[in-house]
Amino acid sequence: MQAIVCISENWGIGCDGQLLFRISADLKRFRALTTGKTVILGSRTLATFPGGKPLPNRRNIILSHRDLTVEGAEIAHSVEQAAALAGPDAIVIGGTSVYRAFLPYCDRVFVTAVEACPEADSFFPDLDASPDWMAVQESEMFEENGLRFRYIDYIRK
């Protein structure tokens, strides 16, 4: 299993239910890495998508403790059920509690690291501080709309 996330300098990912950054290049990378795959997300993340609808051209598995019916998605009521439905090739796309629940299942994390530190109330675990993870690939620095960022791929040791 893998995860994909866009983080600030202090591993922030969101504030007040919204992403911290909207970077076109990052969204294109996200689309390229997830299209045709199974994605796992929480219901609050789903609510941030256009129209609150699942992502097209992907198998969407929504982790929720509530009874939901979402056209174009499958609902799992536990981490174990979602993992069994998704299989080992799924990509975890958020939010915070879903990332934390599935990180033990992941062997790779695709990170977009932005050189900015806006206010955040949602965070991804700091992989640099974890003895279980190591950065194995780092891109050059990019800039878009005044934001500097790079892509860093982490693997589980």
Protein backbone atom coordinates (compact mmCIF):
# COMPACT_ATOMS: atom_id res chain seq x y z
CA MET A 1 0.00 0.00 0.00
CA GLN A 2 1.11 3.56 -0.62
CA ALA A 3 0.10 7.05 0.49
CA ILE A 4 0.27 10.43 -1.21
CA VAL A 5 0.25 13.76 0.62
CA CYS A 6 1.13 17.45 0.25
CA ILE A 7 2.71 18.88 3.41
CA SER A 8 3.94 22.16 4.83
CA GLU A 9 7.32 22.56 6.55
CA ASN A 10 5.85 21.28 9.84
CA TRP A 11 3.99 18.38 8.15
CA GLY A 12 0.69 20.28 8.15
CA ILE A 13 -1.86 19.11 5.58
CA GLY A 14 -5.01 21.09 6.28
CA CYS A 15 -6.83 23.78 8.19
CA ASP A 16 -10.56 24.13 8.83
CA GLY A 17 -11.31 21.15 6.59
CA GLN A 18 -9.41 22.51 3.59
CA LEU A 19 -6.07 21.67 2.01
CA LEU A 20 -3.25 24.08 2.80
CA PHE A 21 -2.10 24.33 -0.82
CA ARG A 22 -3.56 24.12 -4.32
CA ILE A 23 -0.60 23.59 -6.61
CA SER A 24 -1.48 22.69 -10.18
CA ALA A 25 1.67 20.61 -10.71
CA ASP A 26 0.98 18.68 -7.50
CA LEU A 27 -2.62 17.99 -8.54
CA LYS A 28 -1.37 16.70 -11.91
CA ARG A 29 1.09 14.42 -10.14
CA PHE A 30 -1.67 13.22 -7.82
CA ARG A 31 -3.87 12.44 -10.81
CA ALA A 32 -1.05 10.61 -12.62
CA LEU A 33 -0.22 8.47 -9.57
CA THR A 34 -3.82 7.60 -8.63
CA THR A 35 -5.75 7.28 -11.91
CA GLY A 36 -6.75 3.69 -12.54
CA LYS A 37 -5.92 2.71 -8.95
CA THR A 38 -7.85 2.08 -5.75
CA VAL A 39 -7.84 5.04 -3.37
CA ILE A 40 -8.73 5.00 0.33
CA LEU A 41 -10.10 8.13 1.95
CA GLY A 42 -12.25 9.35 4.78
CA SER A 43 -15.72 10.82 4.42
CA ARG A 44 -14.51 14.31 5.41
CA THR A 45 -11.94 14.19 2.60
CA LEU A 46 -14.69 13.10 0.20
CA ALA A 47 -16.72 16.16 1.23
CA THR A 48 -13.90 18.44 -0.02
CA PHE A 49 -14.05 17.01 -3.56
CA PRO A 50 -16.06 18.80 -6.26
CA GLY A 51 -19.70 18.06 -5.57
CA GLY A 52 -18.65 15.75 -2.73
CA LYS A 53 -18.35 12.98 -5.31
CA PRO A 54 -15.75 10.21 -5.54
CA LEU A 55 -12.74 10.73 -7.78
CA PRO A 56 -13.36 9.61 -11.36
CA ASN A 57 -11.35 6.83 -12.99
CA ARG A 58 -10.43 5.34 -9.61
CA ARG A 59 -11.95 2.77 -7.30
CA ASN A 60 -12.91 4.82 -4.22
CA ILE A 61 -13.06 3.15 -0.80
CA ILE A 62 -14.38 5.44 1.90
CA LEU A 63 -13.59 4.65 5.52
CA SER A 64 -16.49 5.75 7.72
CA HIS A 65 -18.02 4.62 10.97
CA ARG A 66 -21.36 6.01 9.80
CA ASP A 67 -23.75 4.23 7.45
CA LEU A 68 -23.26 6.00 4.14
CA THR A 69 -24.33 5.39 0.61
CA VAL A 70 -22.09 7.09 -1.94
CA GLU A 71 -22.68 6.43 -5.60
CA GLY A 72 -19.46 5.32 -7.24
CA ALA A 73 -17.75 4.33 -3.99
CA GLU A 74 -17.51 1.45 -1.57
CA ILE A 75 -17.89 2.04 2.16
CA ALA A 76 -15.71 0.30 4.73
CA HIS A 77 -16.48 0.52 8.44
CA SER A 78 -13.06 -0.49 9.74
CA VAL A 79 -9.42 -0.21 8.75
CA GLU A 80 -9.26 -3.99 8.38
CA GLN A 81 -12.32 -4.07 6.11
CA ALA A 82 -10.95 -1.24 3.95
CA ALA A 83 -7.53 -2.92 3.69
CA ALA A 84 -9.14 -6.23 2.69
CA LEU A 85 -11.32 -4.51 0.06
CA ALA A 86 -8.49 -2.39 -1.29
CA GLY A 87 -5.68 -4.89 -1.53
CA PRO A 88 -1.95 -4.14 -1.42
CA ASP A 89 -1.83 -1.74 -4.39
CA ALA A 90 -4.17 0.90 -2.96
CA ILE A 91 -3.15 4.51 -2.38
CA VAL A 92 -4.21 6.30 0.81
CA ILE A 93 -5.22 9.91 0.10
CA GLY A 94 -6.37 11.26 3.46
CA GLY A 95 -7.31 12.81 5.75
CA THR A 96 -5.30 12.82 8.94
CA SER A 97 -7.02 9.96 10.80
CA VAL A 98 -7.04 7.80 7.65
CA TYR A 99 -3.34 8.46 7.05
CA ARG A 100 -2.52 7.55 10.66
CA ALA A 101 -4.63 4.38 10.50
CA PHE A 102 -3.13 3.13 7.25
CA LEU A 103 0.51 4.25 7.57
CA PRO A 104 1.42 0.89 9.19
CA TYR A 105 0.15 -0.81 6.00
CA CYS A 106 2.14 1.45 3.67
CA ASP A 107 5.57 0.75 2.26
CA ARG A 108 5.90 3.98 0.21
CA VAL A 109 4.74 7.58 0.67
CA PHE A 110 4.76 10.16 -2.12
CA VAL A 111 5.25 13.57 -0.49
CA THR A 112 4.98 17.03 -2.00
CA ALA A 113 6.94 19.18 0.46
CA VAL A 114 6.11 22.89 0.30
CA GLU A 115 8.49 25.50 1.73
CA ALA A 116 5.81 27.35 3.65
CA CYS A 117 4.25 27.02 7.06
CA PRO A 118 0.69 28.35 7.10
CA GLU A 119 -1.59 27.72 10.05
CA ALA A 120 -2.66 24.07 10.14
CA ASP A 121 -4.88 21.94 12.35
CA SER A 122 -4.33 18.63 10.53
CA PHE A 123 -0.94 16.96 10.25
CA PHE A 124 0.74 14.00 8.59
CA PRO A 125 3.19 11.99 10.74
CA ASP A 126 6.73 13.39 10.44
CA LEU A 127 8.49 10.72 8.39
CA ASP A 128 11.87 12.45 8.80
CA ALA A 129 11.62 11.94 12.57
CA SER A 130 10.59 8.29 12.25
CA PRO A 131 13.21 5.54 12.37
CA ASP A 132 10.92 3.42 10.18
CA TRP A 133 11.08 5.66 7.09
CA MET A 134 13.75 7.02 4.79
CA ALA A 135 13.71 9.41 1.86
CA VAL A 136 14.93 7.61 -1.26
CA GLN A 137 14.26 10.10 -4.01
CA GLU A 138 14.04 13.88 -4.02
CA SER A 139 13.22 16.10 -6.98
CA GLU A 140 14.64 19.45 -7.84
CA MET A 141 12.91 22.50 -6.37
CA PHE A 142 9.91 23.79 -8.31
CA GLU A 143 7.99 27.04 -7.96
CA GLU A 144 4.39 27.84 -8.75
CA ASN A 145 2.50 30.98 -7.79
CA GLY A 146 5.21 31.96 -5.32
CA LEU A 147 5.27 28.56 -3.60
CA ARG A 148 8.48 26.54 -3.66
CA PHE A 149 8.10 22.76 -3.41
CA ARG A 150 9.76 19.46 -4.17
CA TYR A 151 8.67 15.85 -4.43
CA ILE A 152 10.15 13.39 -1.95
CA ASP A 153 9.52 9.65 -2.02
CA TYR A 154 9.84 7.76 1.24
CA ILE A 155 10.04 4.02 1.74
CA ARG A 156 9.67 1.94 4.85
CA LYS A 157 13.06 0.67 6.07
